[in-house]
């Protein structure tokens, strides 16, 4: 079974709604049209490699580029690998600002296949043998991540994230 990180844009009213009705988290994540509207992104199995490449951390960090994986308030039932967690608007705005100051070439320059292997980053155990393919897989989600972060920052939105 694969581990996939989903991040779903949420207004404060939507966050309040899932807090009041925690069993609705799964339905909220996979609401029809959320993906097409740019309100949900996933990184397939590249989620931890994206996080590590941006922030330099395996998991939780206070770095502005570490907003995808947080040790923050959780809500709802276990969605496969734990409950969903809330990413605040403030954290997303700081993430957007930091990410917008980086070019794709900057991100590529941070990509270190050996560091991914040495830090046991999910789904990147063989990336040293084919680093170009691994980098391409990681970079495919960056354009949508940029759009998502900008949308959250400009609309004052928070987000829910979960690994399913």
C-alpha atoms as a PDB file:
ATOM      1  CA  UNK A   1       0.000   0.000   0.000  1.00  0.00           C
ATOM      2  CA  UNK A   2       1.380   3.413  -0.964  1.00  0.00           C
ATOM      3  CA  UNK A   3       1.550   6.413   1.311  1.00  0.00           C
ATOM      4  CA  UNK A   4       0.242   9.554  -0.408  1.00  0.00           C
ATOM      5  CA  UNK A   5       0.114  13.034   1.126  1.00  0.00           C
ATOM      6  CA  UNK A   6      -3.035  15.023   0.351  1.00  0.00           C
ATOM      7  CA  UNK A   7      -3.320  18.708   1.184  1.00  0.00           C
ATOM      8  CA  UNK A   8      -6.761  20.325   0.949  1.00  0.00           C
ATOM      9  CA  UNK A   9      -7.427  24.069   1.094  1.00  0.00           C
ATOM     10  CA  UNK A  10      -9.928  24.971   3.803  1.00  0.00           C
ATOM     11  CA  UNK A  11     -11.634  28.140   4.935  1.00  0.00           C
ATOM     12  CA  UNK A  12     -11.945  28.855   8.647  1.00  0.00           C
ATOM     13  CA  UNK A  13     -15.635  27.845   8.414  1.00  0.00           C
ATOM     14  CA  UNK A  14     -14.647  24.516   6.863  1.00  0.00           C
ATOM     15  CA  UNK A  15     -12.027  23.933   9.569  1.00  0.00           C
ATOM     16  CA  UNK A  16     -14.677  24.690  12.218  1.00  0.00           C
ATOM     17  CA  UNK A  17     -17.060  22.297  10.496  1.00  0.00           C
ATOM     18  CA  UNK A  18     -14.641  19.353  10.538  1.00  0.00           C
ATOM     19  CA  UNK A  19     -13.716  20.141  14.148  1.00  0.00           C
ATOM     20  CA  UNK A  20     -17.412  19.937  15.028  1.00  0.00           C
ATOM     21  CA  UNK A  21     -17.954  16.823  12.929  1.00  0.00           C
ATOM     22  CA  UNK A  22     -14.643  14.911  12.821  1.00  0.00           C
ATOM     23  CA  UNK A  23     -16.178  12.017  10.905  1.00  0.00           C
ATOM     24  CA  UNK A  24     -16.613  14.379   7.925  1.00  0.00           C
ATOM     25  CA  UNK A  25     -12.861  14.803   7.302  1.00  0.00           C
ATOM     26  CA  UNK A  26     -12.589  12.042   4.703  1.00  0.00           C
ATOM     27  CA  UNK A  27     -15.614  13.313   2.771  1.00  0.00           C
ATOM     28  CA  UNK A  28     -14.193  16.846   2.907  1.00  0.00           C
ATOM     29  CA  UNK A  29     -10.839  15.739   1.501  1.00  0.00           C
ATOM     30  CA  UNK A  30     -12.301  13.900  -1.417  1.00  0.00           C
ATOM     31  CA  UNK A  31     -15.217  16.201  -2.177  1.00  0.00           C
ATOM     32  CA  UNK A  32     -16.077  16.159  -5.868  1.00  0.00           C
ATOM     33  CA  UNK A  33     -14.411  18.962  -7.801  1.00  0.00           C
ATOM     34  CA  UNK A  34     -11.816  19.918  -5.155  1.00  0.00           C
ATOM     35  CA  UNK A  35      -8.913  18.668  -7.259  1.00  0.00           C
ATOM     36  CA  UNK A  36     -10.125  20.351 -10.446  1.00  0.00           C
ATOM     37  CA  UNK A  37     -10.666  23.649  -8.591  1.00  0.00           C
ATOM     38  CA  UNK A  38      -7.067  23.628  -7.358  1.00  0.00           C
ATOM     39  CA  UNK A  39      -8.225  23.138  -3.779  1.00  0.00           C
ATOM     40  CA  UNK A  40      -6.457  19.818  -3.275  1.00  0.00           C
ATOM     41  CA  UNK A  41      -3.032  18.591  -4.229  1.00  0.00           C
ATOM     42  CA  UNK A  42      -1.224  15.339  -3.787  1.00  0.00           C
ATOM     43  CA  UNK A  43       2.351  14.367  -4.385  1.00  0.00           C
ATOM     44  CA  UNK A  44       1.821  10.680  -4.935  1.00  0.00           C
ATOM     45  CA  UNK A  45       4.775   8.976  -3.251  1.00  0.00           C
ATOM     46  CA  UNK A  46       7.114  11.990  -3.648  1.00  0.00           C
ATOM     47  CA  UNK A  47       5.661  13.855  -0.649  1.00  0.00           C
ATOM     48  CA  UNK A  48       8.506  13.248   1.790  1.00  0.00           C
ATOM     49  CA  UNK A  49      11.170  13.896  -0.855  1.00  0.00           C
ATOM     50  CA  UNK A  50       9.510  17.224  -1.727  1.00  0.00           C
ATOM     51  CA  UNK A  51       9.370  18.153   1.960  1.00  0.00           C
ATOM     52  CA  UNK A  52      12.994  17.087   2.553  1.00  0.00           C
ATOM     53  CA  UNK A  53      14.305  18.846  -0.550  1.00  0.00           C
ATOM     54  CA  UNK A  54      12.550  22.082   0.383  1.00  0.00           C
ATOM     55  CA  UNK A  55      13.137  22.105   4.142  1.00  0.00           C
ATOM     56  CA  UNK A  56      16.105  19.807   4.749  1.00  0.00           C
ATOM     57  CA  UNK A  57      14.093  17.912   7.366  1.00  0.00           C
ATOM     58  CA  UNK A  58      12.799  14.361   7.332  1.00  0.00           C
ATOM     59  CA  UNK A  59       9.631  15.285   9.193  1.00  0.00           C
ATOM     60  CA  UNK A  60       8.660  18.221  11.371  1.00  0.00           C
ATOM     61  CA  UNK A  61      10.509  21.514  11.258  1.00  0.00           C
ATOM     62  CA  UNK A  62       9.807  25.150  12.016  1.00  0.00           C
ATOM     63  CA  UNK A  63      11.421  26.152   8.718  1.00  0.00           C
ATOM     64  CA  UNK A  64       8.981  28.150   6.562  1.00  0.00           C
ATOM     65  CA  UNK A  65       9.488  25.612   3.777  1.00  0.00           C
ATOM     66  CA  UNK A  66       8.450  22.808   6.131  1.00  0.00           C
ATOM     67  CA  UNK A  67       4.735  23.554   6.146  1.00  0.00           C
ATOM     68  CA  UNK A  68       3.661  20.314   4.460  1.00  0.00           C
ATOM     69  CA  UNK A  69       4.495  18.099   7.419  1.00  0.00           C
ATOM     70  CA  UNK A  70       3.589  19.576  10.774  1.00  0.00           C
ATOM     71  CA  UNK A  71       3.234  18.415  14.305  1.00  0.00           C
ATOM     72  CA  UNK A  72       0.041  20.397  14.827  1.00  0.00           C
ATOM     73  CA  UNK A  73      -3.597  19.986  15.760  1.00  0.00           C
ATOM     74  CA  UNK A  74      -5.133  16.843  14.348  1.00  0.00           C
ATOM     75  CA  UNK A  75      -8.763  16.282  13.512  1.00  0.00           C
ATOM     76  CA  UNK A  76     -10.877  13.303  12.531  1.00  0.00           C
ATOM     77  CA  UNK A  77     -10.312   9.599  12.344  1.00  0.00           C
ATOM     78  CA  UNK A  78      -7.258   7.733  11.116  1.00  0.00           C
ATOM     79  CA  UNK A  79      -7.175   8.100   7.328  1.00  0.00           C
ATOM     80  CA  UNK A  80      -4.628   5.355   6.815  1.00  0.00           C
ATOM     81  CA  UNK A  81      -1.495   6.723   8.479  1.00  0.00           C
ATOM     82  CA  UNK A  82      -2.993   8.853  11.206  1.00  0.00           C
ATOM     83  CA  UNK A  83      -5.501  11.658  11.466  1.00  0.00           C
ATOM     84  CA  UNK A  84      -5.500  14.779   9.300  1.00  0.00           C
ATOM     85  CA  UNK A  85      -3.655  17.821  10.606  1.00  0.00           C
ATOM     86  CA  UNK A  86      -4.390  21.504  10.246  1.00  0.00           C
ATOM     87  CA  UNK A  87      -1.948  23.859   8.515  1.00  0.00           C
ATOM     88  CA  UNK A  88      -2.759  27.414   9.539  1.00  0.00           C
ATOM     89  CA  UNK A  89      -3.138  30.283   7.129  1.00  0.00           C
ATOM     90  CA  UNK A  90      -0.154  32.000   8.756  1.00  0.00           C
ATOM     91  CA  UNK A  91       2.021  28.952   8.168  1.00  0.00           C
ATOM     92  CA  UNK A  92       0.828  28.657   4.564  1.00  0.00           C
ATOM     93  CA  UNK A  93       1.434  32.359   3.908  1.00  0.00           C
ATOM     94  CA  UNK A  94       5.022  32.039   5.202  1.00  0.00           C
ATOM     95  CA  UNK A  95       5.451  28.890   3.098  1.00  0.00           C
ATOM     96  CA  UNK A  96       4.144  30.692   0.007  1.00  0.00           C
ATOM     97  CA  UNK A  97       6.513  33.613   0.535  1.00  0.00           C
ATOM     98  CA  UNK A  98       9.536  31.332   0.996  1.00  0.00           C
ATOM     99  CA  UNK A  99       8.600  29.130  -1.969  1.00  0.00           C
ATOM    100  CA  UNK A 100       7.934  32.117  -4.237  1.00  0.00           C
ATOM    101  CA  UNK A 101      11.489  33.292  -3.603  1.00  0.00           C
ATOM    102  CA  UNK A 102      12.867  30.032  -4.995  1.00  0.00           C
ATOM    103  CA  UNK A 103      13.123  29.163  -8.657  1.00  0.00           C
ATOM    104  CA  UNK A 104      12.721  25.637  -9.929  1.00  0.00           C
ATOM    105  CA  UNK A 105      16.484  25.652 -10.489  1.00  0.00           C
ATOM    106  CA  UNK A 106      16.973  26.527  -6.805  1.00  0.00           C
ATOM    107  CA  UNK A 107      14.851  23.526  -5.865  1.00  0.00           C
ATOM    108  CA  UNK A 108      16.739  21.287  -8.282  1.00  0.00           C
ATOM    109  CA  UNK A 109      20.034  22.442  -6.738  1.00  0.00           C
ATOM    110  CA  UNK A 110      18.807  21.280  -3.305  1.00  0.00           C
ATOM    111  CA  UNK A 111      18.005  17.805  -4.616  1.00  0.00           C
ATOM    112  CA  UNK A 112      20.525  15.369  -3.134  1.00  0.00           C
ATOM    113  CA  UNK A 113      19.848  11.714  -3.993  1.00  0.00           C
ATOM    114  CA  UNK A 114      22.392  10.399  -1.489  1.00  0.00           C
ATOM    115  CA  UNK A 115      20.887  12.490   1.321  1.00  0.00           C
ATOM    116  CA  UNK A 116      17.440  11.102   0.461  1.00  0.00           C
ATOM    117  CA  UNK A 117      18.780   7.563   0.753  1.00  0.00           C
ATOM    118  CA  UNK A 118      20.814   8.313   3.888  1.00  0.00           C
ATOM    119  CA  UNK A 119      17.738   9.797   5.574  1.00  0.00           C
ATOM    120  CA  UNK A 120      15.471   6.916   4.507  1.00  0.00           C
ATOM    121  CA  UNK A 121      13.095   9.208   2.610  1.00  0.00           C
ATOM    122  CA  UNK A 122       9.956   7.357   1.551  1.00  0.00           C
ATOM    123  CA  UNK A 123       9.974   5.868  -1.965  1.00  0.00           C
ATOM    124  CA  UNK A 124      13.457   7.210  -2.777  1.00  0.00           C
ATOM    125  CA  UNK A 125      15.556   4.209  -1.742  1.00  0.00           C
ATOM    126  CA  UNK A 126      16.761   3.658  -5.333  1.00  0.00           C
ATOM    127  CA  UNK A 127      17.141   7.282  -6.427  1.00  0.00           C
ATOM    128  CA  UNK A 128      20.955   7.181  -6.516  1.00  0.00           C
ATOM    129  CA  UNK A 129      20.786   4.708  -9.410  1.00  0.00           C
ATOM    130  CA  UNK A 130      18.490   6.964 -11.477  1.00  0.00           C
ATOM    131  CA  UNK A 131      18.767  10.506 -10.081  1.00  0.00           C
ATOM    132  CA  UNK A 132      17.368  12.203 -13.195  1.00  0.00           C
ATOM    133  CA  UNK A 133      14.160  10.157 -13.032  1.00  0.00           C
ATOM    134  CA  UNK A 134      13.883  10.727  -9.275  1.00  0.00           C
ATOM    135  CA  UNK A 135      14.294  14.488  -9.688  1.00  0.00           C
ATOM    136  CA  UNK A 136      11.730  14.567 -12.482  1.00  0.00           C
ATOM    137  CA  UNK A 137       9.262  12.678 -10.272  1.00  0.00           C
ATOM    138  CA  UNK A 138       9.837  15.137  -7.431  1.00  0.00           C
ATOM    139  CA  UNK A 139       9.563  18.246  -9.628  1.00  0.00           C
ATOM    140  CA  UNK A 140       6.301  17.243 -11.304  1.00  0.00           C
ATOM    141  CA  UNK A 141       4.325  18.402  -8.253  1.00  0.00           C
ATOM    142  CA  UNK A 142       6.074  21.746  -7.770  1.00  0.00           C
ATOM    143  CA  UNK A 143       3.953  23.822 -10.210  1.00  0.00           C
ATOM    144  CA  UNK A 144       0.717  22.741  -8.490  1.00  0.00           C
ATOM    145  CA  UNK A 145       2.299  23.296  -5.079  1.00  0.00           C
ATOM    146  CA  UNK A 146       3.170  26.863  -6.084  1.00  0.00           C
ATOM    147  CA  UNK A 147      -0.391  27.519  -7.304  1.00  0.00           C
ATOM    148  CA  UNK A 148      -1.917  25.949  -4.200  1.00  0.00           C
ATOM    149  CA  UNK A 149       0.283  27.952  -1.815  1.00  0.00           C
ATOM    150  CA  UNK A 150      -0.489  31.186  -3.651  1.00  0.00           C
ATOM    151  CA  UNK A 151      -4.225  30.468  -3.563  1.00  0.00           C
ATOM    152  CA  UNK A 152      -4.147  29.757   0.174  1.00  0.00           C
ATOM    153  CA  UNK A 153      -2.099  32.886   0.878  1.00  0.00           C
ATOM    154  CA  UNK A 154      -4.249  35.160  -1.267  1.00  0.00           C
ATOM    155  CA  UNK A 155      -7.579  33.872   0.075  1.00  0.00           C
ATOM    156  CA  UNK A 156      -6.598  33.664   3.741  1.00  0.00           C
ATOM    157  CA  UNK A 157      -7.133  29.917   3.698  1.00  0.00           C
ATOM    158  CA  UNK A 158      -5.783  27.229   5.948  1.00  0.00           C
ATOM    159  CA  UNK A 159      -5.446  23.607   4.889  1.00  0.00           C
ATOM    160  CA  UNK A 160      -5.950  20.078   6.072  1.00  0.00           C
ATOM    161  CA  UNK A 161      -3.268  17.527   5.298  1.00  0.00           C
ATOM    162  CA  UNK A 162      -3.250  13.759   5.636  1.00  0.00           C
ATOM    163  CA  UNK A 163      -1.262  10.758   4.563  1.00  0.00           C
ATOM    164  CA  UNK A 164      -3.573   8.120   3.167  1.00  0.00           C
END
